[in-house]
C-alpha atoms as a PDB file:
ATOM      1  CA  MET A   1       2.434-128.563 172.432  1.00  0.00           C
ATOM      2  CA  PHE A   2       2.729-125.861 175.076  1.00  0.00           C
ATOM      3  CA  TRP A   3       2.909-123.128 172.465  1.00  0.00           C
ATOM      4  CA  PHE A   4      -0.020-124.654 170.601  1.00  0.00           C
ATOM      5  CA  CYS A   5      -2.111-124.368 173.756  1.00  0.00           C
ATOM      6  CA  VAL A   6      -0.899-120.815 174.357  1.00  0.00           C
ATOM      7  CA  ALA A   7      -1.923-119.960 170.792  1.00  0.00           C
ATOM      8  CA  LEU A   8      -5.367-121.502 171.310  1.00  0.00           C
ATOM      9  CA  ILE A   9      -5.965-119.618 174.535  1.00  0.00           C
ATOM     10  CA  GLY A  10      -4.589-116.423 172.994  1.00  0.00           C
ATOM     11  CA  SER A  11      -6.883-116.770 170.006  1.00  0.00           C
ATOM     12  CA  TYR A  12      -9.796-117.348 172.370  1.00  0.00           C
ATOM     13  CA  ILE A  13      -9.001-114.127 174.222  1.00  0.00           C
ATOM     14  CA  PHE A  14      -8.454-112.233 170.933  1.00  0.00           C
ATOM     15  CA  PHE A  15     -11.761-113.289 169.417  1.00  0.00           C
ATOM     16  CA  ILE A  16     -13.636-112.569 172.620  1.00  0.00           C
ATOM     17  CA  TRP A  17     -11.972-109.147 172.687  1.00  0.00           C
ATOM     18  CA  LEU A  18     -13.216-108.433 169.147  1.00  0.00           C
ATOM     19  CA  ALA A  19     -16.820-109.179 170.072  1.00  0.00           C
ATOM     20  CA  PRO A  20     -18.075-106.985 172.907  1.00  0.00           C
ATOM     21  CA  VAL A  21     -19.265-109.308 175.669  1.00  0.00           C
ATOM     22  CA  SER A  22     -19.745-108.953 179.392  1.00  0.00           C
ATOM     23  CA  ILE A  23     -16.951-109.855 181.778  1.00  0.00           C
ATOM     24  CA  GLU A  24     -18.887-112.919 182.996  1.00  0.00           C
ATOM     25  CA  ARG A  25     -19.085-114.317 179.479  1.00  0.00           C
ATOM     26  CA  PHE A  26     -15.405-113.529 178.889  1.00  0.00           C
ATOM     27  CA  PHE A  27     -14.299-115.972 181.561  1.00  0.00           C
ATOM     28  CA  GLU A  28     -16.700-118.735 180.582  1.00  0.00           C
ATOM     29  CA  PHE A  29     -14.642-121.535 179.142  1.00  0.00           C
ATOM     30  CA  SER A  30     -16.034-124.020 176.713  1.00  0.00           C
ATOM     31  CA  LEU A  31     -15.713-127.690 177.508  1.00  0.00           C
ATOM     32  CA  PHE A  32     -12.831-127.957 175.040  1.00  0.00           C
ATOM     33  CA  PHE A  33     -10.745-125.382 176.889  1.00  0.00           C
ATOM     34  CA  LYS A  34     -11.501-127.001 180.240  1.00  0.00           C
ATOM     35  CA  PHE A  35     -10.224-130.344 178.971  1.00  0.00           C
ATOM     36  CA  LEU A  36      -7.247-128.649 177.316  1.00  0.00           C
ATOM     37  CA  ILE A  37      -6.229-126.948 180.554  1.00  0.00           C
ATOM     38  CA  ALA A  38      -6.688-130.196 182.510  1.00  0.00           C
ATOM     39  CA  TYR A  39      -4.616-132.081 179.914  1.00  0.00           C
ATOM     40  CA  LEU A  40      -1.841-129.494 180.150  1.00  0.00           C
ATOM     41  CA  VAL A  41      -1.778-129.691 183.938  1.00  0.00           C
ATOM     42  CA  PHE A  42      -1.655-133.494 183.836  1.00  0.00           C
ATOM     43  CA  PHE A  43       1.000-133.454 181.106  1.00  0.00           C
ATOM     44  CA  ILE A  44       3.278-131.008 182.914  1.00  0.00           C
ATOM     45  CA  LEU A  45       2.891-132.853 186.213  1.00  0.00           C
ATOM     46  CA  GLY A  46       3.502-136.259 184.614  1.00  0.00           C
ATOM     47  CA  PHE A  47       6.468-135.052 182.579  1.00  0.00           C
ATOM     48  CA  THR A  48       8.019-133.525 185.685  1.00  0.00           C
ATOM     49  CA  LEU A  49       7.513-136.757 187.608  1.00  0.00           C
ATOM     50  CA  VAL A  50       9.140-138.771 184.815  1.00  0.00           C
ATOM     51  CA  LEU A  51      12.123-136.435 184.782  1.00  0.00           C
ATOM     52  CA  VAL A  52      12.521-136.517 188.549  1.00  0.00           C
ATOM     53  CA  VAL A  53      11.892-140.203 189.212  1.00  0.00           C
ATOM     54  CA  ASP A  54      12.963-142.046 186.091  1.00  0.00           C
ATOM     55  CA  LEU A  55      15.787-139.967 184.726  1.00  0.00           C
ATOM     56  CA  GLY A  56      17.268-138.467 187.879  1.00  0.00           C
ATOM     57  CA  THR A  57      19.360-141.551 188.492  1.00  0.00           C
ATOM     58  CA  ASP A  58      22.901-141.759 187.241  1.00  0.00           C
ATOM     59  CA  SER A  59      23.472-144.109 184.319  1.00  0.00           C
ATOM     60  CA  SER A  60      26.215-146.694 184.011  1.00  0.00           C
ATOM     61  CA  ASP A  61      29.310-146.234 181.876  1.00  0.00           C
ATOM     62  CA  GLU A  62      27.897-148.553 179.207  1.00  0.00           C
ATOM     63  CA  ASP A  63      24.703-146.504 179.014  1.00  0.00           C
ATOM     64  CA  ARG A  64      26.736-143.302 178.848  1.00  0.00           C
ATOM     65  CA  GLU A  65      28.669-144.635 175.848  1.00  0.00           C
ATOM     66  CA  LYS A  66      25.434-145.648 174.124  1.00  0.00           C
ATOM     67  CA  ILE A  67      23.889-142.234 174.795  1.00  0.00           C
ATOM     68  CA  LEU A  68      26.938-140.406 173.412  1.00  0.00           C
ATOM     69  CA  GLU A  69      26.954-142.648 170.340  1.00  0.00           C
ATOM     70  CA  TYR A  70      23.224-142.092 169.822  1.00  0.00           C
ATOM     71  CA  LYS A  71      23.645-138.339 170.262  1.00  0.00           C
ATOM     72  CA  GLU A  72      26.437-138.227 167.676  1.00  0.00           C
ATOM     73  CA  GLN A  73      24.404-140.426 165.300  1.00  0.00           C
ATOM     74  CA  ARG A  74      21.431-138.030 165.541  1.00  0.00           C
ATOM     75  CA  ALA A  75      23.758-135.066 164.936  1.00  0.00           C
ATOM     76  CA  ARG A  76      25.118-136.736 161.785  1.00  0.00           C
ATOM     77  CA  LEU A  77      21.594-137.568 160.658  1.00  0.00           C
ATOM     78  CA  LYS A  78      20.653-133.904 160.941  1.00  0.00           C
ATOM     79  CA  GLY A  79      23.767-133.032 158.928  1.00  0.00           C
ATOM     80  CA  ASN A  80      25.229-130.618 161.419  1.00  0.00           C
ATOM     81  CA  LEU A  81      27.518-131.715 164.241  1.00  0.00           C
ATOM     82  CA  MET A  82      27.444-128.222 165.725  1.00  0.00           C
ATOM     83  CA  MET A  83      23.671-128.459 166.124  1.00  0.00           C
ATOM     84  CA  PHE A  84      24.039-130.348 169.379  1.00  0.00           C
ATOM     85  CA  HIS A  85      26.030-128.349 171.877  1.00  0.00           C
ATOM     86  CA  LYS A  86      28.773-130.188 173.681  1.00  0.00           C
ATOM     87  CA  LEU A  87      28.455-133.662 172.220  1.00  0.00           C
ATOM     88  CA  GLU A  88      30.616-135.101 174.996  1.00  0.00           C
ATOM     89  CA  THR A  89      28.269-134.102 177.844  1.00  0.00           C
ATOM     90  CA  ILE A  90      25.072-135.908 178.723  1.00  0.00           C
ATOM     91  CA  THR A  91      22.068-133.971 179.953  1.00  0.00           C
ATOM     92  CA  VAL A  92      18.809-135.209 181.414  1.00  0.00           C
ATOM     93  CA  PHE A  93      17.080-134.532 178.104  1.00  0.00           C
ATOM     94  CA  ASP A  94      19.690-136.606 176.275  1.00  0.00           C
ATOM     95  CA  LYS A  95      18.797-139.487 178.582  1.00  0.00           C
ATOM     96  CA  LEU A  96      15.114-138.802 177.946  1.00  0.00           C
ATOM     97  CA  ILE A  97      15.480-138.842 174.156  1.00  0.00           C
ATOM     98  CA  PHE A  98      17.674-141.955 174.311  1.00  0.00           C
ATOM     99  CA  LYS A  99      15.339-143.855 176.595  1.00  0.00           C
ATOM    100  CA  HIS A 100      11.936-142.764 175.303  1.00  0.00           C
ATOM    101  CA  GLY A 101      12.627-141.365 171.837  1.00  0.00           C
ATOM    102  CA  SER A 102      11.519-137.991 170.552  1.00  0.00           C
ATOM    103  CA  PRO A 103       7.840-137.022 170.790  1.00  0.00           C
ATOM    104  CA  LEU A 104       7.012-137.667 167.151  1.00  0.00           C
ATOM    105  CA  GLU A 105       8.692-141.071 166.811  1.00  0.00           C
ATOM    106  CA  PHE A 106       7.048-144.405 167.508  1.00  0.00           C
ATOM    107  CA  GLU A 107      10.139-146.211 168.711  1.00  0.00           C
ATOM    108  CA  SER A 108      13.082-145.779 171.028  1.00  0.00           C
ATOM    109  CA  ASN A 109      16.362-147.567 171.596  1.00  0.00           C
ATOM    110  CA  ILE A 110      15.253-149.445 174.676  1.00  0.00           C
ATOM    111  CA  GLY A 111      12.015-150.113 176.460  1.00  0.00           C
ATOM    112  CA  HIS A 112       8.454-151.094 175.807  1.00  0.00           C
ATOM    113  CA  PRO A 113       6.572-149.518 172.839  1.00  0.00           C
ATOM    114  CA  ILE A 114       4.140-147.798 175.229  1.00  0.00           C
ATOM    115  CA  MET A 115       7.092-146.225 177.026  1.00  0.00           C
ATOM    116  CA  SER A 116       8.488-144.630 173.882  1.00  0.00           C
ATOM    117  CA  GLY A 117       7.752-141.949 171.369  1.00  0.00           C
ATOM    118  CA  THR A 118       4.320-140.483 170.806  1.00  0.00           C
ATOM    119  CA  LEU A 119       2.495-142.809 173.173  1.00  0.00           C
ATOM    120  CA  PHE A 120       4.867-141.966 175.995  1.00  0.00           C
ATOM    121  CA  TYR A 121       4.673-138.202 175.634  1.00  0.00           C
ATOM    122  CA  PHE A 122       0.997-137.761 174.781  1.00  0.00           C
ATOM    123  CA  VAL A 123      -0.620-140.657 176.696  1.00  0.00           C
ATOM    124  CA  TYR A 124       1.692-141.957 179.425  1.00  0.00           C
ATOM    125  CA  CYS A 125       2.882-138.593 180.796  1.00  0.00           C
ATOM    126  CA  PRO A 126      -0.635-137.102 181.187  1.00  0.00           C
ATOM    127  CA  PHE A 127      -1.881-140.382 182.667  1.00  0.00           C
ATOM    128  CA  THR A 128       0.998-140.357 185.162  1.00  0.00           C
ATOM    129  CA  GLY A 129       0.120-136.794 186.156  1.00  0.00           C
ATOM    130  CA  PHE A 130      -3.551-137.731 186.513  1.00  0.00           C
ATOM    131  CA  MET A 131      -2.739-140.742 188.696  1.00  0.00           C
ATOM    132  CA  PHE A 132      -0.374-138.711 190.883  1.00  0.00           C
ATOM    133  CA  LEU A 133      -2.967-135.983 191.394  1.00  0.00           C
ATOM    134  CA  SER A 134      -5.660-138.584 192.103  1.00  0.00           C
ATOM    135  CA  CYS A 135      -3.497-140.321 194.705  1.00  0.00           C
ATOM    136  CA  ALA A 136      -2.593-136.975 196.279  1.00  0.00           C
ATOM    137  CA  LEU A 137      -6.299-136.104 196.536  1.00  0.00           C
ATOM    138  CA  PHE A 138      -7.213-139.483 197.941  1.00  0.00           C
ATOM    139  CA  PHE A 139      -4.401-139.936 200.452  1.00  0.00           C
ATOM    140  CA  ILE A 140      -3.665-136.327 201.487  1.00  0.00           C
ATOM    141  CA  PHE A 141      -6.548-133.930 200.869  1.00  0.00           C
ATOM    142  CA  PHE A 142      -9.502-136.184 201.695  1.00  0.00           C
ATOM    143  CA  PRO A 143      -8.103-137.214 205.110  1.00  0.00           C
ATOM    144  CA  LEU A 144      -7.398-133.545 205.861  1.00  0.00           C
ATOM    145  CA  MET A 145     -10.961-132.678 204.895  1.00  0.00           C
ATOM    146  CA  ILE A 146     -12.308-135.443 207.143  1.00  0.00           C
ATOM    147  CA  ILE A 147     -10.175-134.229 210.063  1.00  0.00           C
ATOM    148  CA  GLY A 148     -11.358-130.667 209.450  1.00  0.00           C
ATOM    149  CA  GLY A 149     -14.973-131.865 209.397  1.00  0.00           C
ATOM    150  CA  ILE A 150     -14.497-133.741 212.655  1.00  0.00           C
ATOM    151  CA  LEU A 151     -12.997-130.623 214.217  1.00  0.00           C
ATOM    152  CA  LEU A 152     -15.964-128.541 213.042  1.00  0.00           C
ATOM    153  CA  ILE A 153     -18.412-131.085 214.470  1.00  0.00           C
ATOM    154  CA  PHE A 154     -16.467-131.025 217.738  1.00  0.00           C
ATOM    155  CA  GLU A 155     -16.662-127.224 217.787  1.00  0.00           C
ATOM    156  CA  GLU A 156     -20.420-127.256 217.166  1.00  0.00           C
ATOM    157  CA  GLU A 157     -21.016-129.908 219.838  1.00  0.00           C
ATOM    158  CA  PHE A 158     -19.007-128.391 222.677  1.00  0.00           C
ATOM    159  CA  GLY A 159     -18.949-124.713 221.716  1.00  0.00           C
ATOM    160  CA  ILE A 160     -15.171-124.496 222.042  1.00  0.00           C
ATOM    161  CA  PRO A 161     -12.987-123.795 219.021  1.00  0.00           C
ATOM    162  CA  ALA A 162     -11.356-127.109 218.254  1.00  0.00           C
ATOM    163  CA  PHE A 163      -7.833-125.830 217.786  1.00  0.00           C
ATOM    164  CA  THR A 164      -7.978-123.955 221.083  1.00  0.00           C
ATOM    165  CA  TYR A 165      -9.200-127.107 222.820  1.00  0.00           C
ATOM    166  CA  ILE A 166      -6.437-129.210 221.262  1.00  0.00           C
ATOM    167  CA  LEU A 167      -3.759-126.674 222.211  1.00  0.00           C
ATOM    168  CA  GLU A 168      -5.100-126.532 225.792  1.00  0.00           C
ATOM    169  CA  LYS A 169      -4.906-130.336 226.043  1.00  0.00           C
ATOM    170  CA  ILE A 170      -1.363-130.354 224.645  1.00  0.00           C
ATOM    171  CA  TYR A 171      -0.368-127.652 227.157  1.00  0.00           C
ATOM    172  CA  TRP A 172      -2.027-129.678 229.950  1.00  0.00           C
ATOM    173  CA  LEU A 173      -0.105-132.824 228.929  1.00  0.00           C
ATOM    174  CA  ILE A 174       3.198-130.953 228.804  1.00  0.00           C
ATOM    175  CA  ASN A 175       2.705-129.536 232.292  1.00  0.00           C
ATOM    176  CA  LEU A 176       1.907-132.874 233.957  1.00  0.00           C
END
């Protein structure tokens, strides 16, 4: 998916390069490319969150045995046991494939159908990234913007730079 998007953006730049246009028109993105870039950002953020939160935990011995068995079964299915390096070790991506299936499958070994296969990778991961970014905007950036606005109003009202005033008050409190 990443390389597909790189190819789309590269083709966009190539075709714009063929037709002589001004630099302002070169950087104008169509609505499709804006949504594609937003989708990629949400997907990468959501996928990273899934890897960190969901799969960063250590699995039990029973799960490890199931993962190793599943990994060997997939290697046999592909017809080449050497295709998967180090069949006895379990990586984070082995846990990911075991738990959620591969991106083009509609089922996994465990879990809800929404949390597996194509729906997980192409719907759930971008939605997770979107929700994380929305919560970060709502709970972190908006309060900081409100505090900054209050400080600017304070500066306009009293004519003193707000940060200087706050630092003077902190210094005054320390020296009491």
